[in-house]
């Protein structure tokens, strides 16, 4: 068997300059009947958060930190980044890896929950990218799913604890936790462990923090309003908690790996406005990003898969 000689982090991708926003959205929505007005609305979301997505920069930071962590463990491997929807596209990265003489890579899909959109399409896109590069493209072996990995839970416990610390100490014990993930069509979720993984991860974080008051919510749904998607929506959960007398809540985006537009706009702007209108204090835990425990988890996955 060819030994593993590289690591590939597989991510969604995002625009890094204002002029890239609309071309990026065209790629993401290719083949789908998305009204132009909806694309403009999403483009404005990117403009509100600064005209770019932090996802690519954060993924590069994850890659650099992972390379350092692997070297510290005595397994020095180069770590590449490949994106599904923007530069560096997966085929561009695999071509560079081939040119550098790399023959077999461990790929880690940077998605915490598994469904067709968040996992299977990544696997398919890697296969398509290898076909595009040709017969000498590096072989790719995938790390296993990691929603329940103890180090991911450690990272999100620490992120949530830090967010709770911003609440006045007298009100902190009564603060409610809301764990979110991207909504997906019900039919898609039915054939996957997506909802169960979200529930299990949320429960693990809440139990570690000794928090009985927590809810699951979904966010950022798209697609036809006629099609059923996973619910409840985060806005509805915020309003419900307000009716129940909650004074503070912490939203924990465990379904996201980086603080990108679904977090920075859909939560920090849109959901915050809902909370303010309902009279509830809004606090948001950061995504895993490059938290040391998350990086350690990535190193664990690479070592386990390479072995």
Protein backbone atom coordinates (compact mmCIF):
# COMPACT_ATOMS: atom_id res chain seq x y z
CA UNK A 1 0.00 0.00 0.00
CA UNK A 2 1.23 3.49 -0.86
CA UNK A 3 2.03 5.35 2.38
CA UNK A 4 0.16 8.53 3.22
CA UNK A 5 2.32 11.51 2.28
CA UNK A 6 -0.11 14.44 2.49
CA UNK A 7 -3.26 15.80 4.08
CA UNK A 8 -6.15 17.46 2.25
CA UNK A 9 -8.64 19.65 4.10
CA UNK A 10 -11.85 19.77 2.08
CA UNK A 11 -14.02 22.85 2.62
CA UNK A 12 -16.92 24.69 1.01
CA UNK A 13 -15.02 27.78 -0.12
CA UNK A 14 -15.99 31.43 -0.13
CA UNK A 15 -15.33 34.80 -1.78
CA UNK A 16 -12.36 36.74 -0.47
CA UNK A 17 -13.04 40.08 -2.21
CA UNK A 18 -16.25 41.98 -2.99
CA UNK A 19 -15.89 41.39 -6.73
CA UNK A 20 -15.84 37.62 -6.12
CA UNK A 21 -19.17 37.47 -4.28
CA UNK A 22 -21.52 37.16 -7.25
CA UNK A 23 -19.31 34.79 -9.31
CA UNK A 24 -19.01 32.60 -6.20
CA UNK A 25 -22.80 32.55 -5.71
CA UNK A 26 -23.28 31.62 -9.37
CA UNK A 27 -21.04 28.58 -8.85
CA UNK A 28 -22.79 27.54 -5.64
CA UNK A 29 -26.25 27.76 -7.22
CA UNK A 30 -25.42 26.40 -10.67
CA UNK A 31 -28.22 24.19 -11.97
CA UNK A 32 -30.70 25.35 -9.35
CA UNK A 33 -33.64 27.67 -10.12
CA UNK A 34 -32.64 30.41 -7.70
CA UNK A 35 -34.34 33.76 -8.41
CA UNK A 36 -31.87 36.59 -9.11
CA UNK A 37 -33.45 38.61 -6.29
CA UNK A 38 -32.51 35.87 -3.82
CA UNK A 39 -28.90 35.87 -5.04
CA UNK A 40 -28.75 39.63 -4.59
CA UNK A 41 -30.10 39.25 -1.07
CA UNK A 42 -27.34 36.79 -0.19
CA UNK A 43 -24.76 39.00 -1.87
CA UNK A 44 -25.86 41.83 0.43
CA UNK A 45 -25.33 39.53 3.41
CA UNK A 46 -21.68 39.19 2.38
CA UNK A 47 -21.43 42.95 1.96
CA UNK A 48 -22.79 43.51 5.47
CA UNK A 49 -20.10 41.27 6.98
CA UNK A 50 -17.29 43.07 5.15
CA UNK A 51 -17.50 42.03 1.51
CA UNK A 52 -15.78 38.70 1.96
CA UNK A 53 -16.04 35.34 3.68
CA UNK A 54 -13.53 34.50 6.43
CA UNK A 55 -13.88 30.79 5.57
CA UNK A 56 -10.85 30.51 3.29
CA UNK A 57 -8.54 32.36 5.67
CA UNK A 58 -9.76 30.33 8.63
CA UNK A 59 -9.30 27.09 6.69
CA UNK A 60 -5.72 28.09 5.86
CA UNK A 61 -5.15 28.77 9.56
CA UNK A 62 -6.53 25.33 10.38
CA UNK A 63 -4.20 23.78 7.81
CA UNK A 64 -1.13 25.57 9.18
CA UNK A 65 -2.00 24.65 12.76
CA UNK A 66 -2.63 21.03 11.76
CA UNK A 67 0.75 20.80 10.03
CA UNK A 68 2.40 22.09 13.21
CA UNK A 69 0.44 19.64 15.38
CA UNK A 70 1.38 16.68 13.19
CA UNK A 71 5.04 17.71 13.19
CA UNK A 72 4.96 17.93 16.98
CA UNK A 73 3.70 14.34 17.06
CA UNK A 74 6.56 13.17 14.85
CA UNK A 75 4.41 12.80 11.73
CA UNK A 76 5.39 15.74 9.54
CA UNK A 77 3.01 15.93 6.59
CA UNK A 78 2.21 18.82 4.27
CA UNK A 79 -1.39 19.99 4.58
CA UNK A 80 -3.24 21.31 1.54
CA UNK A 81 -6.61 23.03 1.28
CA UNK A 82 -9.11 22.26 -1.48
CA UNK A 83 -12.46 24.02 -1.93
CA UNK A 84 -15.65 22.82 -3.56
CA UNK A 85 -16.86 26.20 -4.77
CA UNK A 86 -13.93 28.61 -5.01
CA UNK A 87 -10.19 28.85 -5.38
CA UNK A 88 -8.23 26.81 -4.67
CA UNK A 89 -10.69 24.38 -6.26
CA UNK A 90 -10.18 20.73 -5.42
CA UNK A 91 -8.80 19.94 -8.88
CA UNK A 92 -6.31 22.83 -8.58
CA UNK A 93 -5.08 21.55 -5.23
CA UNK A 94 -4.84 17.93 -6.37
CA UNK A 95 -2.91 19.01 -9.47
CA UNK A 96 -0.44 20.88 -7.29
CA UNK A 97 -0.12 17.88 -4.99
CA UNK A 98 0.58 15.66 -8.00
CA UNK A 99 3.22 18.09 -9.28
CA UNK A 100 4.87 17.98 -5.86
CA UNK A 101 5.07 14.20 -6.06
CA UNK A 102 2.35 13.41 -3.53
CA UNK A 103 0.69 10.06 -4.11
CA UNK A 104 -1.70 9.37 -1.24
CA UNK A 105 -3.54 11.85 0.98
CA UNK A 106 -5.81 11.69 3.98
CA UNK A 107 -8.78 13.95 3.31
CA UNK A 108 -10.73 15.50 6.17
CA UNK A 109 -14.14 16.88 5.28
CA UNK A 110 -14.62 20.05 7.29
CA UNK A 111 -18.27 19.44 8.05
CA UNK A 112 -19.33 18.32 11.50
CA UNK A 113 -22.62 16.66 10.50
CA UNK A 114 -23.31 14.14 7.77
CA UNK A 115 -25.92 14.38 5.06
CA UNK A 116 -25.86 14.39 1.28
CA UNK A 117 -25.16 18.13 1.04
CA UNK A 118 -22.60 18.26 3.84
CA UNK A 119 -20.72 15.03 3.20
CA UNK A 120 -21.60 12.89 0.17
CA UNK A 121 -21.23 15.79 -2.27
CA UNK A 122 -17.77 16.48 -0.90
CA UNK A 123 -16.75 12.88 -1.55
CA UNK A 124 -18.21 13.02 -5.07
CA UNK A 125 -16.46 16.32 -5.81
CA UNK A 126 -13.09 14.91 -4.73
CA UNK A 127 -13.63 11.97 -7.10
CA UNK A 128 -14.54 14.36 -9.93
CA UNK A 129 -11.48 16.48 -9.20
CA UNK A 130 -9.21 13.42 -9.33
CA UNK A 131 -10.72 12.47 -12.69
CA UNK A 132 -10.01 15.98 -13.95
CA UNK A 133 -6.37 15.81 -12.85
CA UNK A 134 -5.91 12.45 -14.54
CA UNK A 135 -4.53 8.99 -13.78
CA UNK A 136 -1.60 10.31 -11.76
CA UNK A 137 -3.84 12.21 -9.33
CA UNK A 138 -3.08 11.43 -5.70
CA UNK A 139 -5.14 8.68 -4.14
CA UNK A 140 -7.47 10.08 -1.47
CA UNK A 141 -8.62 8.23 1.63
CA UNK A 142 -11.23 9.91 3.81
CA UNK A 143 -11.08 10.37 7.56
CA UNK A 144 -14.20 9.18 9.37
CA UNK A 145 -17.04 11.37 10.58
CA UNK A 146 -16.17 13.30 13.70
CA UNK A 147 -19.32 14.89 15.17
CA UNK A 148 -18.91 12.90 18.38
CA UNK A 149 -15.13 13.19 18.66
CA UNK A 150 -14.25 14.09 22.26
CA UNK A 151 -11.84 16.83 21.18
CA UNK A 152 -14.52 18.51 19.05
CA UNK A 153 -16.80 18.43 22.08
CA UNK A 154 -13.95 19.87 24.18
CA UNK A 155 -13.55 22.75 21.72
CA UNK A 156 -17.25 23.59 21.69
CA UNK A 157 -17.51 23.32 25.47
CA UNK A 158 -14.72 25.87 25.76
CA UNK A 159 -16.31 28.14 23.14
CA UNK A 160 -19.67 27.98 24.91
CA UNK A 161 -18.18 28.57 28.35
CA UNK A 162 -16.42 31.68 27.02
CA UNK A 163 -19.71 33.02 25.62
CA UNK A 164 -21.51 32.34 28.91
CA UNK A 165 -18.82 34.33 30.71
CA UNK A 166 -20.05 37.49 28.95
CA UNK A 167 -23.41 37.24 30.71
CA UNK A 168 -23.84 38.95 34.06
CA UNK A 169 -23.01 36.43 36.78
CA UNK A 170 -26.41 36.86 38.46
CA UNK A 171 -28.23 35.96 35.22
CA UNK A 172 -25.77 33.40 33.89
CA UNK A 173 -27.24 30.30 35.60
CA UNK A 174 -30.60 30.85 33.90
CA UNK A 175 -29.18 31.47 30.41
CA UNK A 176 -30.44 29.06 27.77
CA UNK A 177 -28.31 27.34 25.14
CA UNK A 178 -29.45 27.06 21.52
CA UNK A 179 -27.44 24.68 19.33
CA UNK A 180 -27.74 25.36 15.60
CA UNK A 181 -26.96 23.72 12.29
CA UNK A 182 -27.82 24.50 8.69
CA UNK A 183 -31.32 23.33 7.84
CA UNK A 184 -31.62 20.75 5.06
CA UNK A 185 -34.64 19.25 3.30
CA UNK A 186 -36.50 16.74 5.45
CA UNK A 187 -36.25 14.12 2.70
CA UNK A 188 -32.47 14.52 2.61
CA UNK A 189 -32.14 14.38 6.38
CA UNK A 190 -34.26 11.21 6.56
CA UNK A 191 -31.55 9.19 4.88
CA UNK A 192 -28.69 10.43 7.02
CA UNK A 193 -27.51 10.72 10.66
CA UNK A 194 -27.56 14.55 10.41
CA UNK A 195 -30.24 15.34 13.01
CA UNK A 196 -29.11 12.57 15.36
CA UNK A 197 -25.51 13.79 15.24
CA UNK A 198 -26.61 17.34 16.01
CA UNK A 199 -28.68 16.14 18.96
CA UNK A 200 -25.84 13.99 20.32
CA UNK A 201 -23.22 16.71 20.01
CA UNK A 202 -25.48 19.31 21.61
CA UNK A 203 -26.30 16.98 24.47
CA UNK A 204 -22.63 16.20 25.08
CA UNK A 205 -21.70 19.90 25.24
CA UNK A 206 -24.65 20.81 27.46
CA UNK A 207 -23.99 17.93 29.86
CA UNK A 208 -20.32 18.86 30.17
CA UNK A 209 -21.42 22.38 31.13
CA UNK A 210 -24.11 21.15 33.51
CA UNK A 211 -26.81 22.88 31.46
CA UNK A 212 -30.30 21.39 31.44
CA UNK A 213 -31.86 24.30 29.55
CA UNK A 214 -30.94 23.81 25.90
CA UNK A 215 -32.65 23.57 22.54
CA UNK A 216 -31.90 22.45 18.99
CA UNK A 217 -32.58 24.89 16.16
CA UNK A 218 -31.95 25.05 12.44
CA UNK A 219 -30.97 28.08 10.41
CA UNK A 220 -30.12 29.44 6.97
CA UNK A 221 -32.68 27.38 5.06
CA UNK A 222 -32.96 27.98 1.33
CA UNK A 223 -34.87 26.38 -1.50
CA UNK A 224 -38.56 26.35 -2.29
CA UNK A 225 -40.86 27.34 0.58
CA UNK A 226 -43.15 24.52 -0.57
CA UNK A 227 -40.63 21.88 0.45
CA UNK A 228 -40.37 20.82 4.11
CA UNK A 229 -37.00 21.52 5.73
CA UNK A 230 -35.73 20.66 9.18
CA UNK A 231 -37.26 22.79 11.94
CA UNK A 232 -37.59 24.61 14.29
CA UNK A 233 -35.99 27.70 12.82
CA UNK A 234 -33.66 29.57 15.16
CA UNK A 235 -35.87 32.68 15.05
CA UNK A 236 -38.88 30.68 16.21
CA UNK A 237 -36.84 29.14 19.04
CA UNK A 238 -35.66 32.58 20.18
CA UNK A 239 -39.23 33.87 20.28
CA UNK A 240 -40.41 30.75 22.12
CA UNK A 241 -37.69 31.12 24.75
CA UNK A 242 -38.66 34.77 25.21
CA UNK A 243 -42.28 33.72 25.82
CA UNK A 244 -41.03 31.23 28.39
CA UNK A 245 -39.29 34.04 30.27
CA UNK A 246 -35.69 33.53 29.18
CA UNK A 247 -33.60 36.65 29.68
CA UNK A 248 -30.38 35.49 28.01
CA UNK A 249 -29.45 32.90 25.43
CA UNK A 250 -26.21 31.62 23.92
CA UNK A 251 -26.36 30.37 20.35
CA UNK A 252 -23.80 27.64 19.70
CA UNK A 253 -23.22 26.88 15.98
CA UNK A 254 -22.04 23.30 16.39
CA UNK A 255 -23.09 22.52 12.81
CA UNK A 256 -20.49 24.93 11.42
CA UNK A 257 -16.70 24.66 11.46
CA UNK A 258 -15.89 28.32 10.74
CA UNK A 259 -17.40 31.71 11.47
CA UNK A 260 -18.56 32.45 7.93
CA UNK A 261 -21.65 34.10 6.45
CA UNK A 262 -24.20 31.72 7.98
CA UNK A 263 -22.78 32.57 11.37
CA UNK A 264 -21.73 36.20 10.93
CA UNK A 265 -24.91 37.30 9.19
CA UNK A 266 -27.65 34.75 9.84
CA UNK A 267 -26.85 34.62 13.56
CA UNK A 268 -24.93 37.77 14.49
CA UNK A 269 -27.19 40.08 12.46
CA UNK A 270 -30.55 38.43 11.69
CA UNK A 271 -31.00 36.24 14.78
CA UNK A 272 -29.67 38.98 17.03
CA UNK A 273 -32.34 41.35 15.68
CA UNK A 274 -35.02 38.78 16.52
CA UNK A 275 -33.65 38.42 20.05
CA UNK A 276 -33.51 42.17 20.57
CA UNK A 277 -37.11 42.55 19.36
CA UNK A 278 -38.15 39.80 21.78
CA UNK A 279 -36.27 41.39 24.68
CA UNK A 280 -33.75 38.57 25.09
CA UNK A 281 -30.00 39.03 25.59
CA UNK A 282 -28.21 37.48 22.62
CA UNK A 283 -24.77 35.88 22.90
CA UNK A 284 -23.03 33.68 20.36
CA UNK A 285 -20.29 31.12 20.87
CA UNK A 286 -17.63 31.13 18.15
CA UNK A 287 -17.42 28.14 15.82
CA UNK A 288 -14.52 25.75 16.29
CA UNK A 289 -12.31 27.74 13.88
CA UNK A 290 -8.69 27.02 14.89
CA UNK A 291 -9.33 26.17 18.54
CA UNK A 292 -6.42 24.02 19.82
CA UNK A 293 -8.72 21.11 20.71
CA UNK A 294 -10.22 21.17 17.23
CA UNK A 295 -6.76 21.12 15.68
CA UNK A 296 -5.82 18.22 17.96
CA UNK A 297 -8.92 16.41 16.74
CA UNK A 298 -7.86 16.91 13.12
CA UNK A 299 -4.44 15.48 13.98
CA UNK A 300 -6.12 12.49 15.64
CA UNK A 301 -8.21 11.86 12.52
CA UNK A 302 -5.19 12.04 10.25
CA UNK A 303 -3.15 9.66 12.38
CA UNK A 304 -6.03 7.22 12.74
CA UNK A 305 -6.74 7.18 9.00
CA UNK A 306 -3.10 7.00 7.97
CA UNK A 307 -2.63 4.01 10.24
